[in-house]
Amino acid sequence: MNQPQDTNKSQSESLPLQTELPAQMIELQMSMAHLELTVERLDEVITRQDKHIQTLQRQLQLVYNQVESQGTEDGIAPFDVMADRPPHY
């Protein structure tokens, strides 16, 4: 007669498990959806930053090319204390 009690006991223990499982499944699905949205947003940010970095690299390369193409004659003249004296001296 112990067998029917054990069966009833195991059924009563599995009942909360059966009711908790759908709630846990819904919670996992919500977490998954939130993570997918976060990944999509991060991907957009990374794509935008990559485009910005590429633009900055092109601009920097143009600046380097301009600096390299300038000769030393076109650069800043050396400072001469006597020639560059202010008029009040």
PDB file of N, CA and C in Angstrom:
ATOM      1  N   MET A   1       0.811  -1.199   0.000  1.00  0.00           N
ATOM      2  CA  MET A   1       0.000   0.000   0.000  1.00  0.00           C
ATOM      3  C   MET A   1       0.852   1.260   0.000  1.00  0.00           C
ATOM      4  N   ASN A   2       2.080   1.135   0.239  1.00  0.00           N
ATOM      5  CA  ASN A   2       2.988   2.270   0.183  1.00  0.00           C
ATOM      6  C   ASN A   2       3.171   2.786  -1.247  1.00  0.00           C
ATOM      7  N   GLN A   3       2.957   1.936  -2.204  1.00  0.00           N
ATOM      8  CA  GLN A   3       3.185   2.315  -3.583  1.00  0.00           C
ATOM      9  C   GLN A   3       2.231   3.420  -4.054  1.00  0.00           C
ATOM     10  N   PRO A   4       0.924   3.369  -3.771  1.00  0.00           N
ATOM     11  CA  PRO A   4       0.039   4.447  -4.197  1.00  0.00           C
ATOM     12  C   PRO A   4       0.400   5.786  -3.551  1.00  0.00           C
ATOM     13  N   GLN A   5       0.853   5.789  -2.314  1.00  0.00           N
ATOM     14  CA  GLN A   5       1.247   7.045  -1.681  1.00  0.00           C
ATOM     15  C   GLN A   5       2.472   7.635  -2.370  1.00  0.00           C
ATOM     16  N   ASP A   6       3.430   6.771  -2.732  1.00  0.00           N
ATOM     17  CA  ASP A   6       4.628   7.249  -3.424  1.00  0.00           C
ATOM     18  C   ASP A   6       4.269   7.843  -4.775  1.00  0.00           C
ATOM     19  N   THR A   7       3.322   7.242  -5.465  1.00  0.00           N
ATOM     20  CA  THR A   7       2.898   7.745  -6.768  1.00  0.00           C
ATOM     21  C   THR A   7       2.214   9.091  -6.607  1.00  0.00           C
ATOM     22  N   ASN A   8       1.347   9.217  -5.635  1.00  0.00           N
ATOM     23  CA  ASN A   8       0.682  10.488  -5.368  1.00  0.00           C
ATOM     24  C   ASN A   8       1.687  11.558  -4.964  1.00  0.00           C
ATOM     25  N   LYS A   9       2.672  11.164  -4.188  1.00  0.00           N
ATOM     26  CA  LYS A   9       3.692  12.094  -3.731  1.00  0.00           C
ATOM     27  C   LYS A   9       4.516  12.609  -4.906  1.00  0.00           C
ATOM     28  N   SER A  10       4.932  11.728  -5.808  1.00  0.00           N
ATOM     29  CA  SER A  10       5.731  12.155  -6.957  1.00  0.00           C
ATOM     30  C   SER A  10       4.916  13.009  -7.913  1.00  0.00           C
ATOM     31  N   GLN A  11       3.609  12.723  -8.040  1.00  0.00           N
ATOM     32  CA  GLN A  11       2.761  13.540  -8.902  1.00  0.00           C
ATOM     33  C   GLN A  11       2.576  14.936  -8.313  1.00  0.00           C
ATOM     34  N   SER A  12       2.431  15.024  -7.018  1.00  0.00           N
ATOM     35  CA  SER A  12       2.266  16.332  -6.385  1.00  0.00           C
ATOM     36  C   SER A  12       3.554  17.144  -6.445  1.00  0.00           C
ATOM     37  N   GLU A  13       4.706  16.480  -6.428  1.00  0.00           N
ATOM     38  CA  GLU A  13       5.986  17.179  -6.548  1.00  0.00           C
ATOM     39  C   GLU A  13       6.224  17.648  -7.978  1.00  0.00           C
ATOM     40  N   SER A  14       5.778  16.888  -8.972  1.00  0.00           N
ATOM     41  CA  SER A  14       5.993  17.263 -10.362  1.00  0.00           C
ATOM     42  C   SER A  14       5.032  18.346 -10.811  1.00  0.00           C
ATOM     43  N   LEU A  15       3.923  18.543 -10.124  1.00  0.00           N
ATOM     44  CA  LEU A  15       2.943  19.564 -10.485  1.00  0.00           C
ATOM     45  C   LEU A  15       3.541  20.973 -10.429  1.00  0.00           C
ATOM     46  N   PRO A  16       4.248  21.363  -9.351  1.00  0.00           N
ATOM     47  CA  PRO A  16       4.874  22.684  -9.362  1.00  0.00           C
ATOM     48  C   PRO A  16       5.918  22.808 -10.472  1.00  0.00           C
ATOM     49  N   LEU A  17       6.614  21.736 -10.758  1.00  0.00           N
ATOM     50  CA  LEU A  17       7.588  21.777 -11.838  1.00  0.00           C
ATOM     51  C   LEU A  17       6.915  22.056 -13.166  1.00  0.00           C
ATOM     52  N   GLN A  18       5.772  21.470 -13.398  1.00  0.00           N
ATOM     53  CA  GLN A  18       5.050  21.673 -14.646  1.00  0.00           C
ATOM     54  C   GLN A  18       4.525  23.099 -14.756  1.00  0.00           C
ATOM     55  N   THR A  19       4.169  23.707 -13.656  1.00  0.00           N
ATOM     56  CA  THR A  19       3.680  25.087 -13.697  1.00  0.00           C
ATOM     57  C   THR A  19       4.830  26.084 -13.768  1.00  0.00           C
ATOM     58  N   GLU A  20       5.980  25.742 -13.224  1.00  0.00           N
ATOM     59  CA  GLU A  20       7.135  26.636 -13.263  1.00  0.00           C
ATOM     60  C   GLU A  20       7.821  26.622 -14.621  1.00  0.00           C
ATOM     61  N   LEU A  21       7.760  25.517 -15.313  1.00  0.00           N
ATOM     62  CA  LEU A  21       8.460  25.376 -16.585  1.00  0.00           C
ATOM     63  C   LEU A  21       8.014  26.402 -17.629  1.00  0.00           C
ATOM     64  N   PRO A  22       6.714  26.607 -17.846  1.00  0.00           N
ATOM     65  CA  PRO A  22       6.326  27.638 -18.825  1.00  0.00           C
ATOM     66  C   PRO A  22       6.774  29.040 -18.407  1.00  0.00           C
ATOM     67  N   ALA A  23       6.722  29.341 -17.140  1.00  0.00           N
ATOM     68  CA  ALA A  23       7.164  30.658 -16.664  1.00  0.00           C
ATOM     69  C   ALA A  23       8.659  30.833 -16.902  1.00  0.00           C
ATOM     70  N   GLN A  24       9.425  29.797 -16.645  1.00  0.00           N
ATOM     71  CA  GLN A  24      10.866  29.860 -16.893  1.00  0.00           C
ATOM     72  C   GLN A  24      11.145  29.987 -18.384  1.00  0.00           C
ATOM     73  N   MET A  25      10.363  29.299 -19.199  1.00  0.00           N
ATOM     74  CA  MET A  25      10.541  29.359 -20.646  1.00  0.00           C
ATOM     75  C   MET A  25      10.261  30.771 -21.168  1.00  0.00           C
ATOM     76  N   ILE A  26       9.207  31.385 -20.657  1.00  0.00           N
ATOM     77  CA  ILE A  26       8.866  32.758 -21.048  1.00  0.00           C
ATOM     78  C   ILE A  26       9.968  33.715 -20.626  1.00  0.00           C
ATOM     79  N   GLU A  27      10.476  33.528 -19.423  1.00  0.00           N
ATOM     80  CA  GLU A  27      11.562  34.390 -18.923  1.00  0.00           C
ATOM     81  C   GLU A  27      12.813  34.248 -19.795  1.00  0.00           C
ATOM     82  N   LEU A  28      13.147  33.034 -20.169  1.00  0.00           N
ATOM     83  CA  LEU A  28      14.301  32.804 -21.044  1.00  0.00           C
ATOM     84  C   LEU A  28      14.088  33.434 -22.420  1.00  0.00           C
ATOM     85  N   GLN A  29      12.886  33.332 -22.952  1.00  0.00           N
ATOM     86  CA  GLN A  29      12.594  33.933 -24.251  1.00  0.00           C
ATOM     87  C   GLN A  29      12.702  35.454 -24.186  1.00  0.00           C
ATOM     88  N   MET A  30      12.239  36.033 -23.092  1.00  0.00           N
ATOM     89  CA  MET A  30      12.351  37.484 -22.931  1.00  0.00           C
ATOM     90  C   MET A  30      13.807  37.912 -22.816  1.00  0.00           C
ATOM     91  N   SER A  31      14.587  37.155 -22.070  1.00  0.00           N
ATOM     92  CA  SER A  31      16.016  37.457 -21.943  1.00  0.00           C
ATOM     93  C   SER A  31      16.714  37.340 -23.292  1.00  0.00           C
ATOM     94  N   MET A  32      16.374  36.323 -24.047  1.00  0.00           N
ATOM     95  CA  MET A  32      16.966  36.119 -25.369  1.00  0.00           C
ATOM     96  C   MET A  32      16.624  37.276 -26.307  1.00  0.00           C
ATOM     97  N   ALA A  33      15.364  37.721 -26.279  1.00  0.00           N
ATOM     98  CA  ALA A  33      14.952  38.841 -27.124  1.00  0.00           C
ATOM     99  C   ALA A  33      15.693  40.114 -26.733  1.00  0.00           C
ATOM    100  N   HIS A  34      15.857  40.333 -25.434  1.00  0.00           N
ATOM    101  CA  HIS A  34      16.590  41.510 -24.960  1.00  0.00           C
ATOM    102  C   HIS A  34      18.051  41.461 -25.417  1.00  0.00           C
ATOM    103  N   LEU A  35      18.669  40.308 -25.319  1.00  0.00           N
ATOM    104  CA  LEU A  35      20.067  40.161 -25.747  1.00  0.00           C
ATOM    105  C   LEU A  35      20.218  40.355 -27.249  1.00  0.00           C
ATOM    106  N   GLU A  36      19.259  39.846 -28.026  1.00  0.00           N
ATOM    107  CA  GLU A  36      19.311  40.034 -29.481  1.00  0.00           C
ATOM    108  C   GLU A  36      19.211  41.510 -29.837  1.00  0.00           C
ATOM    109  N   LEU A  37      18.338  42.242 -29.161  1.00  0.00           N
ATOM    110  CA  LEU A  37      18.200  43.675 -29.404  1.00  0.00           C
ATOM    111  C   LEU A  37      19.485  44.414 -29.043  1.00  0.00           C
ATOM    112  N   THR A  38      20.088  44.040 -27.932  1.00  0.00           N
ATOM    113  CA  THR A  38      21.346  44.658 -27.507  1.00  0.00           C
ATOM    114  C   THR A  38      22.450  44.404 -28.527  1.00  0.00           C
ATOM    115  N   VAL A  39      22.540  43.191 -29.034  1.00  0.00           N
ATOM    116  CA  VAL A  39      23.556  42.854 -30.031  1.00  0.00           C
ATOM    117  C   VAL A  39      23.337  43.655 -31.309  1.00  0.00           C
ATOM    118  N   GLU A  40      22.091  43.806 -31.739  1.00  0.00           N
ATOM    119  CA  GLU A  40      21.799  44.592 -32.941  1.00  0.00           C
ATOM    120  C   GLU A  40      22.209  46.048 -32.757  1.00  0.00           C
ATOM    121  N   ARG A  41      21.914  46.611 -31.598  1.00  0.00           N
ATOM    122  CA  ARG A  41      22.294  48.008 -31.331  1.00  0.00           C
ATOM    123  C   ARG A  41      23.807  48.162 -31.298  1.00  0.00           C
ATOM    124  N   LEU A  42      24.494  47.236 -30.665  1.00  0.00           N
ATOM    125  CA  LEU A  42      25.953  47.303 -30.616  1.00  0.00           C
ATOM    126  C   LEU A  42      26.556  47.168 -32.009  1.00  0.00           C
ATOM    127  N   ASP A  43      25.966  46.331 -32.833  1.00  0.00           N
ATOM    128  CA  ASP A  43      26.439  46.161 -34.205  1.00  0.00           C
ATOM    129  C   ASP A  43      26.299  47.468 -34.983  1.00  0.00           C
ATOM    130  N   GLU A  44      25.184  48.171 -34.793  1.00  0.00           N
ATOM    131  CA  GLU A  44      24.988  49.460 -35.457  1.00  0.00           C
ATOM    132  C   GLU A  44      26.036  50.476 -35.008  1.00  0.00           C
ATOM    133  N   VAL A  45      26.320  50.494 -33.715  1.00  0.00           N
ATOM    134  CA  VAL A  45      27.315  51.434 -33.187  1.00  0.00           C
ATOM    135  C   VAL A  45      28.697  51.114 -33.758  1.00  0.00           C
ATOM    136  N   ILE A  46      29.041  49.843 -33.797  1.00  0.00           N
ATOM    137  CA  ILE A  46      30.350  49.442 -34.310  1.00  0.00           C
ATOM    138  C   ILE A  46      30.476  49.798 -35.788  1.00  0.00           C
ATOM    139  N   THR A  47      29.418  49.583 -36.545  1.00  0.00           N
ATOM    140  CA  THR A  47      29.440  49.925 -37.969  1.00  0.00           C
ATOM    141  C   THR A  47      29.637  51.419 -38.160  1.00  0.00           C
ATOM    142  N   ARG A  48      28.918  52.221 -37.385  1.00  0.00           N
ATOM    143  CA  ARG A  48      29.043  53.677 -37.480  1.00  0.00           C
ATOM    144  C   ARG A  48      30.449  54.130 -37.088  1.00  0.00           C
ATOM    145  N   GLN A  49      30.999  53.552 -36.023  1.00  0.00           N
ATOM    146  CA  GLN A  49      32.348  53.921 -35.587  1.00  0.00           C
ATOM    147  C   GLN A  49      33.387  53.509 -36.616  1.00  0.00           C
ATOM    148  N   ASP A  50      33.207  52.370 -37.262  1.00  0.00           N
ATOM    149  CA  ASP A  50      34.149  51.918 -38.278  1.00  0.00           C
ATOM    150  C   ASP A  50      34.168  52.893 -39.450  1.00  0.00           C
ATOM    151  N   LYS A  51      33.003  53.353 -39.890  1.00  0.00           N
ATOM    152  CA  LYS A  51      32.936  54.334 -40.984  1.00  0.00           C
ATOM    153  C   LYS A  51      33.625  55.628 -40.578  1.00  0.00           C
ATOM    154  N   HIS A  52      33.401  56.043 -39.336  1.00  0.00           N
ATOM    155  CA  HIS A  52      34.019  57.279 -38.845  1.00  0.00           C
ATOM    156  C   HIS A  52      35.546  57.141 -38.793  1.00  0.00           C
ATOM    157  N   ILE A  53      36.027  56.011 -38.332  1.00  0.00           N
ATOM    158  CA  ILE A  53      37.472  55.768 -38.266  1.00  0.00           C
ATOM    159  C   ILE A  53      38.077  55.771 -39.666  1.00  0.00           C
ATOM    160  N   GLN A  54      37.400  55.159 -40.619  1.00  0.00           N
ATOM    161  CA  GLN A  54      37.909  55.140 -41.992  1.00  0.00           C
ATOM    162  C   GLN A  54      37.987  56.551 -42.565  1.00  0.00           C
ATOM    163  N   THR A  55      36.978  57.378 -42.288  1.00  0.00           N
ATOM    164  CA  THR A  55      36.993  58.769 -42.743  1.00  0.00           C
ATOM    165  C   THR A  55      38.160  59.523 -42.110  1.00  0.00           C
ATOM    166  N   LEU A  56      38.365  59.337 -40.822  1.00  0.00           N
ATOM    167  CA  LEU A  56      39.473  60.006 -40.134  1.00  0.00           C
ATOM    168  C   LEU A  56      40.827  59.551 -40.672  1.00  0.00           C
ATOM    169  N   GLN A  57      40.948  58.270 -40.989  1.00  0.00           N
ATOM    170  CA  GLN A  57      42.206  57.773 -41.544  1.00  0.00           C
ATOM    171  C   GLN A  57      42.487  58.396 -42.917  1.00  0.00           C
ATOM    172  N   ARG A  58      41.447  58.536 -43.743  1.00  0.00           N
ATOM    173  CA  ARG A  58      41.644  59.175 -45.053  1.00  0.00           C
ATOM    174  C   ARG A  58      42.058  60.632 -44.876  1.00  0.00           C
ATOM    175  N   GLN A  59      41.410  61.340 -43.951  1.00  0.00           N
ATOM    176  CA  GLN A  59      41.761  62.737 -43.712  1.00  0.00           C
ATOM    177  C   GLN A  59      43.192  62.862 -43.205  1.00  0.00           C
ATOM    178  N   LEU A  60      43.587  61.989 -42.317  1.00  0.00           N
ATOM    179  CA  LEU A  60      44.942  62.014 -41.784  1.00  0.00           C
ATOM    180  C   LEU A  60      45.963  61.733 -42.884  1.00  0.00           C
ATOM    181  N   GLN A  61      45.632  60.810 -43.783  1.00  0.00           N
ATOM    182  CA  GLN A  61      46.537  60.509 -44.893  1.00  0.00           C
ATOM    183  C   GLN A  61      46.690  61.732 -45.803  1.00  0.00           C
ATOM    184  N   LEU A  62      45.601  62.466 -46.021  1.00  0.00           N
ATOM    185  CA  LEU A  62      45.687  63.686 -46.825  1.00  0.00           C
ATOM    186  C   LEU A  62      46.591  64.720 -46.151  1.00  0.00           C
ATOM    187  N   VAL A  63      46.467  64.851 -44.840  1.00  0.00           N
ATOM    188  CA  VAL A  63      47.317  65.799 -44.107  1.00  0.00           C
ATOM    189  C   VAL A  63      48.780  65.380 -44.216  1.00  0.00           C
ATOM    190  N   TYR A  64      49.063  64.079 -44.049  1.00  0.00           N
ATOM    191  CA  TYR A  64      50.432  63.592 -44.188  1.00  0.00           C
ATOM    192  C   TYR A  64      50.978  63.882 -45.581  1.00  0.00           C
ATOM    193  N   ASN A  65      50.161  63.668 -46.593  1.00  0.00           N
ATOM    194  CA  ASN A  65      50.605  63.920 -47.969  1.00  0.00           C
ATOM    195  C   ASN A  65      50.909  65.397 -48.180  1.00  0.00           C
ATOM    196  N   GLN A  66      50.085  66.290 -47.615  1.00  0.00           N
ATOM    197  CA  GLN A  66      50.341  67.722 -47.745  1.00  0.00           C
ATOM    198  C   GLN A  66      51.630  68.117 -47.038  1.00  0.00           C
ATOM    199  N   VAL A  67      51.858  67.576 -45.868  1.00  0.00           N
ATOM    200  CA  VAL A  67      53.073  67.902 -45.114  1.00  0.00           C
ATOM    201  C   VAL A  67      54.305  67.402 -45.861  1.00  0.00           C
ATOM    202  N   GLU A  68      54.237  66.189 -46.388  1.00  0.00           N
ATOM    203  CA  GLU A  68      55.375  65.632 -47.103  1.00  0.00           C
ATOM    204  C   GLU A  68      55.648  66.365 -48.412  1.00  0.00           C
ATOM    205  N   SER A  69      54.603  66.880 -49.052  1.00  0.00           N
ATOM    206  CA  SER A  69      54.801  67.561 -50.338  1.00  0.00           C
ATOM    207  C   SER A  69      55.382  68.962 -50.159  1.00  0.00           C
ATOM    208  N   GLN A  70      55.247  69.536 -48.990  1.00  0.00           N
ATOM    209  CA  GLN A  70      55.820  70.859 -48.740  1.00  0.00           C
ATOM    210  C   GLN A  70      57.329  70.724 -48.555  1.00  0.00           C
ATOM    211  N   GLY A  71      58.053  71.597 -49.197  1.00  0.00           N
ATOM    212  CA  GLY A  71      59.506  71.595 -49.033  1.00  0.00           C
ATOM    213  C   GLY A  71      59.898  72.358 -47.782  1.00  0.00           C
ATOM    214  N   THR A  72      61.152  72.294 -47.429  1.00  0.00           N
ATOM    215  CA  THR A  72      61.622  73.037 -46.255  1.00  0.00           C
ATOM    216  C   THR A  72      61.634  74.529 -46.531  1.00  0.00           C
ATOM    217  N   GLU A  73      61.690  74.926 -47.814  1.00  0.00           N
ATOM    218  CA  GLU A  73      61.681  76.354 -48.146  1.00  0.00           C
ATOM    219  C   GLU A  73      60.325  76.981 -47.835  1.00  0.00           C
ATOM    220  N   ASP A  74      59.276  76.191 -47.993  1.00  0.00           N
ATOM    221  CA  ASP A  74      57.934  76.705 -47.747  1.00  0.00           C
ATOM    222  C   ASP A  74      57.552  76.631 -46.266  1.00  0.00           C
ATOM    223  N   GLY A  75      58.367  76.013 -45.478  1.00  0.00           N
ATOM    224  CA  GLY A  75      58.049  75.832 -44.067  1.00  0.00           C
ATOM    225  C   GLY A  75      58.316  77.087 -43.271  1.00  0.00           C
ATOM    226  N   ILE A  76      58.390  76.950 -41.997  1.00  0.00           N
ATOM    227  CA  ILE A  76      58.638  78.083 -41.102  1.00  0.00           C
ATOM    228  C   ILE A  76      60.113  78.441 -41.169  1.00  0.00           C
ATOM    229  N   ALA A  77      60.358  79.730 -41.320  1.00  0.00           N
ATOM    230  CA  ALA A  77      61.742  80.215 -41.383  1.00  0.00           C
ATOM    231  C   ALA A  77      62.368  80.139 -40.007  1.00  0.00           C
ATOM    232  N   PRO A  78      63.661  79.930 -39.947  1.00  0.00           N
ATOM    233  CA  PRO A  78      64.322  79.903 -38.644  1.00  0.00           C
ATOM    234  C   PRO A  78      64.210  81.263 -37.965  1.00  0.00           C
ATOM    235  N   PHE A  79      64.180  81.266 -36.663  1.00  0.00           N
ATOM    236  CA  PHE A  79      64.009  82.487 -35.884  1.00  0.00           C
ATOM    237  C   PHE A  79      65.357  83.188 -35.730  1.00  0.00           C
ATOM    238  N   ASP A  80      65.390  84.469 -36.063  1.00  0.00           N
ATOM    239  CA  ASP A  80      66.598  85.281 -35.919  1.00  0.00           C
ATOM    240  C   ASP A  80      66.281  86.401 -34.939  1.00  0.00           C
ATOM    241  N   VAL A  81      66.993  86.434 -33.817  1.00  0.00           N
ATOM    242  CA  VAL A  81      66.709  87.389 -32.754  1.00  0.00           C
ATOM    243  C   VAL A  81      66.908  88.829 -33.238  1.00  0.00           C
ATOM    244  N   MET A  82      67.933  89.088 -33.979  1.00  0.00           N
ATOM    245  CA  MET A  82      68.242  90.454 -34.395  1.00  0.00           C
ATOM    246  C   MET A  82      67.285  90.929 -35.498  1.00  0.00           C
ATOM    247  N   ALA A  83      66.934  90.043 -36.420  1.00  0.00           N
ATOM    248  CA  ALA A  83      66.054  90.442 -37.512  1.00  0.00           C
ATOM    249  C   ALA A  83      64.610  90.554 -37.062  1.00  0.00           C
ATOM    250  N   ASP A  84      64.241  89.777 -36.076  1.00  0.00           N
ATOM    251  CA  ASP A  84      62.855  89.759 -35.646  1.00  0.00           C
ATOM    252  C   ASP A  84      62.630  90.568 -34.360  1.00  0.00           C
ATOM    253  N   ARG A  85      63.471  91.579 -34.145  1.00  0.00           N
ATOM    254  CA  ARG A  85      63.323  92.417 -32.962  1.00  0.00           C
ATOM    255  C   ARG A  85      62.056  93.254 -33.066  1.00  0.00           C
ATOM    256  N   PRO A  86      61.330  93.389 -32.007  1.00  0.00           N
ATOM    257  CA  PRO A  86      60.150  94.251 -32.022  1.00  0.00           C
ATOM    258  C   PRO A  86      60.579  95.720 -32.227  1.00  0.00           C
ATOM    259  N   PRO A  87      59.724  96.538 -32.779  1.00  0.00           N
ATOM    260  CA  PRO A  87      60.078  97.935 -33.099  1.00  0.00           C
ATOM    261  C   PRO A  87      60.374  98.791 -31.864  1.00  0.00           C
ATOM    262  N   HIS A  88      59.904  98.459 -30.713  1.00  0.00           N
ATOM    263  CA  HIS A  88      60.135  99.321 -29.533  1.00  0.00           C
ATOM    264  C   HIS A  88      61.525  99.145 -28.941  1.00  0.00           C
ATOM    265  N   TYR A  89      62.372  98.262 -29.475  1.00  0.00           N
ATOM    266  CA  TYR A  89      63.745  98.121 -28.960  1.00  0.00           C
ATOM    267  C   TYR A  89      64.671  99.032 -29.645  1.00  0.00           C
TER     268      TYR A  89
END
